[in-house]
Amino acid sequence: MIPLAMIFSFMKIGLFSFGGGYAILAMIQQETVIKHGWLTQAEFTDIVAISQMTPGPIAINAATFIGFQKGGILGSVVCTFSLILPSLVIMLAITLTYMKLKHQPWFKNVMQKLRWLSLGLIGAAMILIGQSSFGDVFSVGVFLLCFTIYMRFKINPFYMLLGAGVVGFFFG
């Protein structure tokens, strides 16, 4: 049985989150870990890692995984649909509006401010996840190595996840 509060939480996340999957992670953490206690911080961090490794948008993967963990297959379907429904309706309305207003200067200004909002949310998610993930020097080293490799060589993140997993398995 999926609690009604879980449906409303994911609809709220889908309704009030901007900037894509990584920006949404902070809201998902707020609702599932801090506000309702459906997950521990460690479980949330594991879900983020699994969602990162699986194909598809990370927020939808996380919602599906959290829903499955709390309510089986029905839970995963309900949580995923609850997350995407507000976005689907809003995006249909915005797309129609964008097509009409995309050349207006005031509209371009609004879009530029939304980019800064997204960067702030991504930074907040990075700090929140980093607080529970950096438990030792080894994890900080893996982070710094992956960050440097990605910034310098732009290697596909999937291969870096595989490499970090292998390193963690043998040396972590």
Foldseek 3Di string as FASTA:
>chain_A
DDDPLLLVLLLCLLQPFDQFQLLSLVSVCCSDPPPPNVDDLVVSLVLQLVLVQDDDGSNLSSQLVSLCVVPNNVRSVSSSCSNCVNVVVVVVVVVVVCVVCVVPPVVVVVVVVSVVVNVVSSVVSCVSNVVVQPPDPVSVVLVVVLVVCCVVPVPDVNVSSVVVVVCVVVPD
